[in-house]
Amino acid sequence: MRRADRLFEIVQLLRGQRLRTAQAIADRLEVSVRTIYRDIEALIATGVPIEGERGIGYVIRSHFVLPPLQFSTEELQALVLGARFVRAWGDSALIQAAEEALVKIDAVLPAEIRGQIWRQDLTAHANVMTQAHRRTLADLRQALNRQLKVDLIYYDAKGDATARCIRPLSLDAWGHAWTLTAWCELRADFRVFRLDRIETVAVLEQGFRLEPGKTLNDFYARLSAPHMRHGAPPERPIDSQRDFDRFPT
């Protein structure tokens, strides 16, 4: 846990109107008592109204409101650009979630910088994303989140179509396309599918468990293996159209 997160948690624990010993807090946050003593001293020094002493316990009895969130210019730009990326490349639910997250962040910013989060001088574009692609992404993301198998019709680079039943493992945006890394039950092996080559998606109610040899970590291990059988995935992560076309489907 980062120190900033730990300090926040300490404040939340002490706002309960009852004494908490340093030992109890240390056990809760899985750190040493000495660390808690140092953190409490640091919080008191910044003006947090903590009452108590060592050996007895600590509490915040008065009404205490955490100060507004403080972000650097670069941090705000990163948040804005991330939300714009989701707007360009995400499905409708992700787009809405990104916008709502910005609204919540903007509401707790200091007054002097409130509104800057809606700046329009940093943005992202994805003209390749059609509404059909966004619906496909939404369906696959649902399957990925719920660990459900998926039936799909897929067209390879030659235009040949096949029906697949897959176990989704990862969704990745590459700047020119989304890809789905999955365990393909037809090929009994890992495969990477471009979302813009997927014709239909049917999320099944049949779930799956992660099995040894069929996980995302196993796929990455396959990519990094120094010696691979002919026709297997490339030795480095797919990062170009040329790499993708070398990957069997």
Protein backbone atom coordinates (compact mmCIF):
# COMPACT_ATOMS: atom_id res chain seq x y z
CA MET A 1 0.00 0.00 0.00
CA ARG A 2 1.29 3.45 -0.90
CA ARG A 3 1.90 5.81 2.01
CA ALA A 4 -0.72 8.25 0.71
CA ASP A 5 -3.31 5.46 0.64
CA ARG A 6 -2.28 4.35 4.13
CA LEU A 7 -2.67 7.87 5.53
CA PHE A 8 -6.13 8.09 4.01
CA GLU A 9 -7.11 4.76 5.55
CA ILE A 10 -5.85 5.86 8.97
CA VAL A 11 -8.06 8.96 8.81
CA GLN A 12 -11.05 6.85 7.83
CA LEU A 13 -10.44 4.45 10.73
CA LEU A 14 -10.09 7.24 13.28
CA ARG A 15 -13.32 8.97 12.23
CA GLY A 16 -15.38 6.24 13.90
CA GLN A 17 -15.80 8.16 17.17
CA ARG A 18 -14.03 5.47 19.21
CA LEU A 19 -10.46 4.99 20.27
CA ARG A 20 -8.27 2.79 18.13
CA THR A 21 -4.86 1.71 19.31
CA ALA A 22 -1.81 1.97 17.09
CA GLN A 23 -1.51 -1.81 17.31
CA ALA A 24 -5.07 -2.31 16.03
CA ILE A 25 -4.46 0.07 13.15
CA ALA A 26 -1.13 -1.59 12.35
CA ASP A 27 -2.79 -5.02 12.28
CA ARG A 28 -5.53 -3.72 9.99
CA LEU A 29 -3.08 -2.16 7.54
CA GLU A 30 -0.42 -4.86 7.89
CA VAL A 31 2.41 -2.52 8.88
CA SER A 32 4.46 -2.01 12.03
CA VAL A 33 3.27 -0.01 15.05
CA ARG A 34 6.26 2.29 14.59
CA THR A 35 5.02 3.09 11.08
CA ILE A 36 1.59 3.99 12.46
CA TYR A 37 3.14 6.30 15.06
CA ARG A 38 5.09 8.09 12.33
CA ASP A 39 2.00 8.37 10.13
CA ILE A 40 -0.15 9.78 12.93
CA GLU A 41 2.52 12.37 13.74
CA ALA A 42 2.61 13.35 10.07
CA LEU A 43 -1.18 13.69 9.94
CA ILE A 44 -1.25 15.83 13.08
CA ALA A 45 1.46 18.05 11.59
CA THR A 46 -0.74 18.70 8.54
CA GLY A 47 -3.68 19.80 10.71
CA VAL A 48 -5.75 16.64 11.05
CA PRO A 49 -7.46 16.91 14.51
CA ILE A 50 -6.33 13.58 15.97
CA GLU A 51 -6.70 13.17 19.75
CA GLY A 52 -4.99 10.56 21.92
CA GLU A 53 -1.58 9.26 22.85
CA ARG A 54 0.61 6.21 22.62
CA GLY A 55 -0.53 3.27 24.72
CA ILE A 56 -4.11 4.55 24.96
CA GLY A 57 -5.38 5.08 21.45
CA TYR A 58 -6.39 7.71 18.92
CA VAL A 59 -9.62 9.20 17.63
CA ILE A 60 -10.96 12.07 15.52
CA ARG A 61 -13.92 13.42 17.50
CA SER A 62 -14.60 16.67 15.63
CA HIS A 63 -16.22 16.88 12.23
CA PHE A 64 -13.42 16.54 9.74
CA VAL A 65 -13.71 16.88 5.99
CA LEU A 66 -10.88 15.71 3.79
CA PRO A 67 -9.40 18.51 1.67
CA PRO A 68 -10.13 18.64 -2.06
CA LEU A 69 -8.19 16.28 -4.27
CA GLN A 70 -4.90 17.71 -5.47
CA PHE A 71 -3.61 16.77 -8.91
CA SER A 72 -0.63 18.03 -10.85
CA THR A 73 -1.13 19.33 -14.38
CA GLU A 74 0.29 16.10 -15.76
CA GLU A 75 -1.99 13.97 -13.58
CA LEU A 76 -5.07 15.85 -14.77
CA GLN A 77 -3.91 15.56 -18.38
CA ALA A 78 -3.42 11.83 -17.93
CA LEU A 79 -6.95 11.45 -16.56
CA VAL A 80 -8.46 13.53 -19.35
CA LEU A 81 -6.54 11.72 -22.08
CA GLY A 82 -7.47 8.35 -20.59
CA ALA A 83 -11.16 9.29 -20.64
CA ARG A 84 -10.85 10.56 -24.21
CA PHE A 85 -9.20 7.31 -25.22
CA VAL A 86 -12.14 5.38 -23.74
CA ARG A 87 -14.56 7.66 -25.60
CA ALA A 88 -12.76 6.89 -28.87
CA TRP A 89 -12.10 3.19 -28.40
CA GLY A 90 -14.61 1.95 -25.83
CA ASP A 91 -18.14 0.62 -25.93
CA SER A 92 -21.12 2.68 -24.76
CA ALA A 93 -21.00 1.49 -21.14
CA LEU A 94 -17.29 2.24 -20.82
CA ILE A 95 -17.75 5.67 -22.42
CA GLN A 96 -20.50 6.55 -19.94
CA ALA A 97 -18.41 5.28 -17.01
CA ALA A 98 -15.41 7.37 -18.09
CA GLU A 99 -17.51 10.54 -18.33
CA GLU A 100 -19.12 9.89 -14.94
CA ALA A 101 -15.69 9.34 -13.39
CA LEU A 102 -14.57 12.74 -14.70
CA VAL A 103 -17.68 14.37 -13.25
CA LYS A 104 -16.91 12.87 -9.82
CA ILE A 105 -13.28 13.95 -9.98
CA ASP A 106 -14.18 17.47 -11.10
CA ALA A 107 -16.64 17.82 -8.19
CA VAL A 108 -13.90 17.37 -5.57
CA LEU A 109 -11.18 19.44 -7.23
CA PRO A 110 -10.18 22.78 -5.66
CA ALA A 111 -12.33 25.64 -6.93
CA GLU A 112 -9.47 27.34 -8.75
CA ILE A 113 -8.90 24.40 -11.11
CA ARG A 114 -12.42 23.01 -11.27
CA GLY A 115 -13.55 22.68 -14.87
CA GLN A 116 -10.07 22.18 -16.30
CA ILE A 117 -10.80 18.49 -16.59
CA TRP A 118 -13.11 19.23 -19.54
CA ARG A 119 -10.28 20.70 -21.59
CA GLN A 120 -10.42 19.80 -25.27
CA ASP A 121 -6.77 20.25 -26.24
CA LEU A 122 -5.92 16.61 -25.52
CA THR A 123 -7.97 13.99 -27.27
CA ALA A 124 -7.91 10.61 -29.00
CA HIS A 125 -9.55 9.40 -32.19
CA ALA A 126 -10.52 5.99 -33.53
CA ASN A 127 -12.26 6.35 -36.88
CA VAL A 128 -12.05 2.58 -37.33
CA MET A 129 -14.51 1.97 -34.49
CA THR A 130 -18.02 1.48 -35.86
CA GLN A 131 -21.12 0.93 -33.75
CA ALA A 132 -20.95 -2.76 -34.65
CA HIS A 133 -17.38 -2.94 -33.35
CA ARG A 134 -18.45 -1.24 -30.11
CA ARG A 135 -21.25 -3.77 -29.63
CA THR A 136 -18.79 -6.59 -30.23
CA LEU A 137 -16.43 -5.09 -27.69
CA ALA A 138 -19.22 -4.76 -25.14
CA ASP A 139 -20.24 -8.40 -25.56
CA LEU A 140 -16.66 -9.66 -25.30
CA ARG A 141 -15.97 -7.48 -22.29
CA GLN A 142 -19.05 -8.93 -20.58
CA ALA A 143 -17.81 -12.45 -21.31
CA LEU A 144 -14.31 -11.56 -20.08
CA ASN A 145 -15.65 -10.06 -16.83
CA ARG A 146 -17.96 -13.00 -16.14
CA GLN A 147 -15.56 -15.66 -17.45
CA LEU A 148 -18.05 -17.04 -19.96
CA LYS A 149 -17.39 -18.93 -23.16
CA VAL A 150 -18.20 -17.27 -26.47
CA ASP A 151 -19.33 -18.58 -29.85
CA LEU A 152 -18.17 -16.43 -32.74
CA ILE A 153 -17.89 -16.40 -36.51
CA TYR A 154 -14.45 -15.18 -37.54
CA TYR A 155 -12.98 -14.19 -40.90
CA ASP A 156 -9.23 -14.63 -41.33
CA ALA A 157 -6.95 -12.47 -43.51
CA LYS A 158 -7.88 -14.55 -46.57
CA GLY A 159 -11.60 -13.99 -46.01
CA ASP A 160 -12.31 -17.55 -44.91
CA ALA A 161 -14.91 -17.88 -42.15
CA THR A 162 -14.89 -20.36 -39.29
CA ALA A 163 -17.12 -20.94 -36.27
CA ARG A 164 -15.23 -20.87 -33.00
CA CYS A 165 -15.95 -21.49 -29.34
CA ILE A 166 -13.42 -19.54 -27.31
CA ARG A 167 -12.47 -18.68 -23.73
CA PRO A 168 -11.72 -14.93 -23.63
CA LEU A 169 -8.51 -14.04 -21.77
CA SER A 170 -7.60 -10.47 -22.74
CA LEU A 171 -8.80 -7.48 -24.77
CA ASP A 172 -6.09 -5.17 -26.11
CA ALA A 173 -6.18 -1.93 -28.10
CA TRP A 174 -3.23 -1.43 -30.45
CA GLY A 175 -3.89 2.00 -31.95
CA HIS A 176 -5.21 0.53 -35.21
CA ALA A 177 -7.44 -2.27 -33.91
CA TRP A 178 -8.69 -4.19 -30.88
CA THR A 179 -7.58 -7.79 -30.45
CA LEU A 180 -8.99 -10.60 -28.36
CA THR A 181 -6.58 -13.13 -26.90
CA ALA A 182 -8.39 -16.37 -26.18
CA TRP A 183 -8.14 -20.10 -25.81
CA CYS A 184 -9.72 -21.53 -28.95
CA GLU A 185 -11.43 -24.87 -28.43
CA LEU A 186 -11.48 -25.56 -32.16
CA ARG A 187 -7.68 -25.26 -32.45
CA ALA A 188 -7.01 -26.45 -28.87
CA ASP A 189 -4.51 -23.61 -28.57
CA PHE A 190 -4.16 -19.88 -27.96
CA ARG A 191 -5.37 -17.57 -30.71
CA VAL A 192 -5.55 -13.81 -31.17
CA PHE A 193 -8.56 -12.43 -33.04
CA ARG A 194 -9.04 -8.97 -34.51
CA LEU A 195 -12.41 -7.57 -33.44
CA ASP A 196 -13.02 -6.04 -36.87
CA ARG A 197 -12.88 -9.55 -38.39
CA ILE A 198 -15.48 -10.98 -36.00
CA GLU A 199 -18.82 -11.32 -37.79
CA THR A 200 -21.06 -12.47 -34.91
CA VAL A 201 -20.68 -12.92 -31.15
CA ALA A 202 -22.85 -15.05 -28.88
CA VAL A 203 -21.99 -14.98 -25.19
CA LEU A 204 -22.87 -18.36 -23.70
CA GLU A 205 -24.14 -19.05 -20.20
CA GLN A 206 -21.46 -21.72 -19.94
CA GLY A 207 -18.66 -20.52 -17.72
CA PHE A 208 -15.09 -21.78 -17.62
CA ARG A 209 -12.33 -22.11 -15.07
CA LEU A 210 -8.78 -21.06 -15.70
CA GLU A 211 -6.82 -24.26 -16.25
CA PRO A 212 -3.06 -24.78 -16.23
CA GLY A 213 -1.70 -24.28 -19.73
CA LYS A 214 -4.73 -22.23 -20.84
CA THR A 215 -4.26 -18.96 -18.95
CA LEU A 216 -3.11 -15.53 -20.08
CA ASN A 217 0.17 -16.02 -18.21
CA ASP A 218 0.69 -19.24 -20.16
CA PHE A 219 0.13 -17.33 -23.38
CA TYR A 220 2.72 -14.71 -22.40
CA ALA A 221 5.15 -17.47 -21.47
CA ARG A 222 4.61 -18.95 -24.92
CA LEU A 223 5.41 -15.59 -26.53
CA SER A 224 8.67 -15.28 -24.63
CA ALA A 225 9.81 -18.88 -25.16
CA PRO A 226 13.20 -18.92 -26.97
CA HIS A 227 12.31 -21.94 -29.12
CA MET A 228 8.80 -22.36 -30.48
CA ARG A 229 7.26 -24.81 -32.86
CA HIS A 230 6.60 -23.75 -36.44
CA GLY A 231 3.38 -21.78 -36.81
CA ALA A 232 3.18 -20.79 -33.13
CA PRO A 233 2.79 -17.17 -31.97
CA PRO A 234 5.70 -14.77 -32.58
CA GLU A 235 8.40 -14.50 -29.93
CA ARG A 236 7.45 -10.95 -28.97
CA PRO A 237 4.04 -9.39 -28.27
CA ILE A 238 2.03 -8.57 -31.37
CA ASP A 239 2.61 -4.89 -32.10
CA SER A 240 2.03 -4.48 -35.84
CA GLN A 241 -0.18 -5.70 -38.67
CA ARG A 242 2.75 -7.77 -39.96
CA ASP A 243 3.06 -9.52 -36.60
CA PHE A 244 -0.65 -10.19 -36.45
CA ASP A 245 -0.74 -11.77 -39.89
CA ARG A 246 1.98 -14.21 -38.75
CA PHE A 247 -0.28 -15.42 -35.95
CA PRO A 248 -2.40 -18.44 -36.90
CA THR A 249 -6.17 -18.19 -36.54
